[in-house]
Amino acid sequence: LREINAQVKFISVEPLIGPLPGLKLDGINWVIVGGESGPGARPMQETWARDIRDVCLASGVPFFFKQ
């Protein structure tokens, strides 16, 4: 993704069904996070989303949470 010649590069982490330790956001402009919905949806732990949010804050990358 970092090598693609695009003005805006974003990561959509939906559904978030596990933690993403070591997430690097160099060259990423935006991160979207959301849980799974509907019948049989797998649970998302709040800490997984908060950890990603914290990486975004530290990296100066906008964070958007859905659901």
Protein backbone atom coordinates (compact mmCIF):
# COMPACT_ATOMS: atom_id res chain seq x y z
CA LEU A 1 0.00 0.00 0.00
CA ARG A 2 2.81 2.41 0.83
CA GLU A 3 4.29 1.95 -2.65
CA ILE A 4 1.07 2.77 -4.52
CA ASN A 5 0.95 6.24 -6.06
CA ALA A 6 -2.27 7.45 -4.44
CA GLN A 7 -3.00 10.76 -2.72
CA VAL A 8 -4.84 9.16 0.20
CA LYS A 9 -3.91 5.77 1.61
CA PHE A 10 -6.17 4.25 4.22
CA ILE A 11 -6.52 1.00 6.09
CA SER A 12 -9.99 -0.36 6.75
CA VAL A 13 -9.89 -2.81 9.65
CA GLU A 14 -13.42 -4.17 9.53
CA PRO A 15 -14.34 -6.44 10.96
CA LEU A 16 -11.75 -6.22 13.68
CA ILE A 17 -11.66 -9.78 15.02
CA GLY A 18 -8.29 -9.74 16.73
CA PRO A 19 -5.50 -7.47 17.93
CA LEU A 20 -2.98 -5.91 15.55
CA PRO A 21 0.25 -5.69 17.54
CA GLY A 22 3.12 -3.88 15.85
CA LEU A 23 0.89 -1.87 13.51
CA LYS A 24 3.03 0.62 11.56
CA LEU A 25 1.31 3.61 9.99
CA ASP A 26 4.19 5.22 8.09
CA GLY A 27 2.75 6.56 4.83
CA ILE A 28 -0.87 5.86 5.87
CA ASN A 29 -3.32 8.78 5.95
CA TRP A 30 -6.35 7.34 7.68
CA VAL A 31 -7.50 4.24 9.60
CA ILE A 32 -11.08 2.95 9.82
CA VAL A 33 -12.00 0.39 12.47
CA GLY A 34 -15.29 -1.41 13.01
CA GLY A 35 -16.77 -4.51 14.51
CA GLU A 36 -18.72 -7.24 12.82
CA SER A 37 -22.50 -6.97 12.73
CA GLY A 38 -25.45 -9.17 11.95
CA PRO A 39 -26.46 -12.65 13.02
CA GLY A 40 -23.48 -14.68 14.21
CA ALA A 41 -21.22 -11.63 14.49
CA ARG A 42 -17.96 -12.34 16.27
CA PRO A 43 -17.24 -10.14 19.28
CA MET A 44 -14.69 -7.36 19.17
CA GLN A 45 -12.76 -6.44 22.29
CA GLU A 46 -12.60 -2.73 23.09
CA THR A 47 -8.89 -2.94 23.81
CA TRP A 48 -8.19 -3.99 20.22
CA ALA A 49 -9.80 -0.79 18.90
CA ARG A 50 -8.23 1.38 21.62
CA ASP A 51 -4.77 0.03 20.84
CA ILE A 52 -5.19 0.97 17.17
CA ARG A 53 -6.55 4.39 18.19
CA ASP A 54 -3.51 4.95 20.38
CA VAL A 55 -1.14 4.07 17.52
CA CYS A 56 -3.06 6.52 15.30
CA LEU A 57 -2.79 9.28 17.91
CA ALA A 58 0.94 8.68 18.34
CA SER A 59 1.43 8.68 14.55
CA GLY A 60 -0.80 11.68 13.80
CA VAL A 61 -3.11 9.55 11.66
CA PRO A 62 -6.89 10.18 11.76
CA PHE A 63 -8.89 7.34 13.32
CA PHE A 64 -12.53 6.60 12.55
CA PHE A 65 -14.52 4.04 14.52
CA LYS A 66 -17.75 2.59 13.09
CA GLN A 67 -20.52 0.87 15.07
